[in-house]
Protein backbone atom coordinates (compact mmCIF):
# COMPACT_ATOMS: atom_id res chain seq x y z
CA MET A 1 2.50 1.24 -23.13
CA THR A 2 -0.79 -0.87 -24.56
CA ARG A 3 -3.43 -2.78 -22.68
CA GLN A 4 -3.47 -6.07 -23.54
CA ARG A 5 -7.14 -6.87 -24.82
CA SER A 6 -9.11 -9.39 -22.57
CA THR A 7 -10.81 -12.10 -24.30
CA GLN A 8 -14.54 -11.69 -24.63
CA THR A 9 -16.72 -14.85 -23.46
CA MET A 10 -19.94 -15.56 -23.28
CA LYS A 11 -22.32 -18.59 -21.95
CA PRO A 12 -23.34 -21.37 -24.01
CA ALA A 13 -26.71 -20.27 -23.92
CA THR A 14 -25.53 -17.10 -25.72
CA ALA A 15 -23.48 -18.82 -27.85
CA ALA A 16 -26.17 -21.31 -28.81
CA LYS A 17 -28.71 -18.57 -29.67
CA LYS A 18 -25.98 -16.65 -31.78
CA LEU A 19 -25.29 -19.78 -33.64
CA GLY A 20 -29.15 -20.53 -34.17
CA VAL A 21 -29.37 -23.95 -32.16
CA HIS A 22 -30.94 -25.61 -28.98
CA LEU A 23 -28.82 -25.29 -26.23
CA ASP A 24 -29.85 -28.89 -24.79
CA ALA A 25 -28.71 -30.57 -28.37
CA THR A 26 -25.11 -29.41 -28.08
CA PRO A 27 -22.30 -31.49 -26.99
CA GLU A 28 -21.46 -31.77 -23.57
CA GLU A 29 -18.33 -29.78 -23.99
CA PHE A 30 -20.15 -27.14 -25.48
CA ARG A 31 -22.42 -26.65 -22.81
CA ALA A 32 -19.87 -27.14 -19.92
CA GLY A 33 -17.43 -24.22 -20.38
CA VAL A 34 -17.56 -20.64 -21.75
CA VAL A 35 -17.30 -19.55 -25.35
CA SER A 36 -14.52 -17.03 -26.30
CA ARG A 37 -15.72 -14.43 -29.19
CA ASP A 38 -12.93 -16.21 -31.17
CA GLU A 39 -14.62 -19.60 -30.83
CA LEU A 40 -17.62 -18.17 -32.08
CA ASP A 41 -16.24 -17.02 -34.64
CA ALA A 42 -14.62 -19.91 -35.84
CA LEU A 43 -17.73 -22.05 -35.33
CA GLN A 44 -19.51 -19.79 -37.61
CA ALA A 45 -16.95 -19.92 -40.43
CA GLU A 46 -16.26 -23.23 -40.38
CA PRO A 47 -19.07 -25.55 -38.43
CA PRO A 48 -18.24 -28.74 -37.20
CA GLU A 49 -20.23 -31.78 -38.08
CA TRP A 50 -22.65 -31.73 -34.92
CA LEU A 51 -23.57 -27.99 -35.95
CA ARG A 52 -23.95 -28.93 -39.44
CA GLU A 53 -26.32 -31.73 -38.28
CA LEU A 54 -27.82 -29.42 -35.70
CA ARG A 55 -28.53 -26.71 -38.05
CA ALA A 56 -29.93 -29.00 -40.67
CA ASN A 57 -31.86 -31.21 -38.57
CA GLY A 58 -32.69 -29.77 -35.35
CA PRO A 59 -34.09 -29.79 -32.87
CA HIS A 60 -34.52 -26.19 -33.66
CA PRO A 61 -34.88 -23.35 -30.93
CA ARG A 62 -38.31 -21.25 -31.15
CA PRO A 63 -37.13 -18.51 -33.38
CA VAL A 64 -35.65 -20.97 -36.08
CA VAL A 65 -38.89 -22.91 -35.86
CA ALA A 66 -40.95 -19.38 -36.28
CA ASP A 67 -39.01 -18.29 -39.01
CA ARG A 68 -39.17 -21.83 -40.94
CA LEU A 69 -42.79 -21.93 -40.68
CA GLY A 70 -43.36 -18.08 -41.39
CA VAL A 71 -44.79 -16.92 -38.33
CA SER A 72 -43.96 -15.18 -35.03
CA ILE A 73 -42.64 -16.48 -32.06
CA SER A 74 -46.10 -15.63 -30.26
CA GLY A 75 -48.15 -17.22 -33.13
CA LEU A 76 -46.20 -20.51 -31.97
CA ALA A 77 -46.86 -19.88 -28.31
CA ARG A 78 -50.61 -19.13 -29.32
CA ALA A 79 -50.83 -22.54 -31.22
CA GLU A 80 -49.41 -23.98 -28.03
CA ILE A 81 -45.87 -25.28 -29.63
CA THR A 82 -43.60 -24.95 -26.92
CA GLU A 83 -40.58 -27.32 -27.53
CA PRO A 84 -38.41 -27.33 -30.09
CA LEU A 85 -38.92 -28.84 -33.14
CA THR A 86 -36.79 -31.02 -35.67
CA THR A 87 -36.86 -30.17 -39.66
CA ALA A 88 -38.93 -33.37 -40.36
CA GLN A 89 -41.83 -32.07 -37.65
CA ILE A 90 -41.64 -28.41 -39.25
CA ALA A 91 -42.08 -29.98 -42.73
CA ALA A 92 -45.06 -31.92 -41.39
CA ILE A 93 -46.66 -29.21 -40.03
CA LYS A 94 -46.21 -27.10 -43.41
CA GLU A 95 -47.61 -29.99 -45.21
CA GLU A 96 -50.56 -30.46 -43.10
CA GLN A 97 -51.47 -26.86 -43.23
CA PRO A 98 -53.40 -26.48 -40.17
CA GLU A 99 -55.87 -23.41 -39.60
CA TRP A 100 -53.77 -22.06 -37.03
CA LEU A 101 -50.40 -21.81 -39.50
CA ARG A 102 -52.47 -20.03 -42.35
CA ARG A 103 -54.19 -17.78 -39.55
CA GLU A 104 -50.54 -17.15 -37.67
CA ARG A 105 -49.05 -16.46 -41.31
CA ASN A 106 -51.89 -13.80 -42.08
CA THR A 107 -51.53 -12.20 -38.91
CA ARG A 108 -47.39 -11.81 -39.62
CA ALA A 109 -47.93 -10.52 -43.18
CA GLU A 110 -50.51 -7.73 -41.92
CA SER A 111 -47.99 -6.98 -39.09
CA GLN A 112 -45.02 -6.79 -41.51
CA ARG A 113 -47.27 -4.50 -43.98
CA ALA A 114 -48.16 -2.12 -40.97
CA GLU A 115 -44.76 -1.86 -40.25
CA ALA A 116 -43.66 -0.97 -43.74
CA ARG A 117 -46.20 1.25 -43.76
CA LEU A 118 -45.17 3.29 -40.45
CA GLN A 119 -41.71 3.26 -41.71
CA ALA A 120 -42.36 4.42 -44.88
CA GLU A 121 -44.47 7.48 -43.11
CA LYS A 122 -41.42 8.05 -40.91
CA SER A 123 -38.87 8.40 -44.23
CA GLY A 124 -41.94 10.60 -45.88
CA ASN A 125 -42.62 8.24 -48.28
CA LYS A 126 -45.58 6.82 -49.57
CA PRO A 127 -46.29 3.31 -48.49
CA ALA A 128 -46.21 0.68 -51.14
CA ARG A 129 -49.93 -1.46 -51.62
């Protein structure tokens, strides 16, 4: 006798995070219920228009904003950017190149170099310079 598999579901906030979109910008029907693993897979495989639009133009959640700017989420907080940003707003910041952006990009790069060095030391390899 085989057991029937239960359908895995998640809250809309979790699904939005996995999709890389800001929950408040999603349609009401998405926010109203639960999302099954199969539904999430279908959204990722063939995104509907609303999801393509959000991914392209935003508003984007902090992890996406940080990634597109090349800084950490902590760096966004230090720059007092706490609200979701649109693609146009991100482009404007990149074009302006404010001091905080240059500083945070340098901080992130240093952090990544240190992490790579630690990983190399763990594996017994010499770090790249």
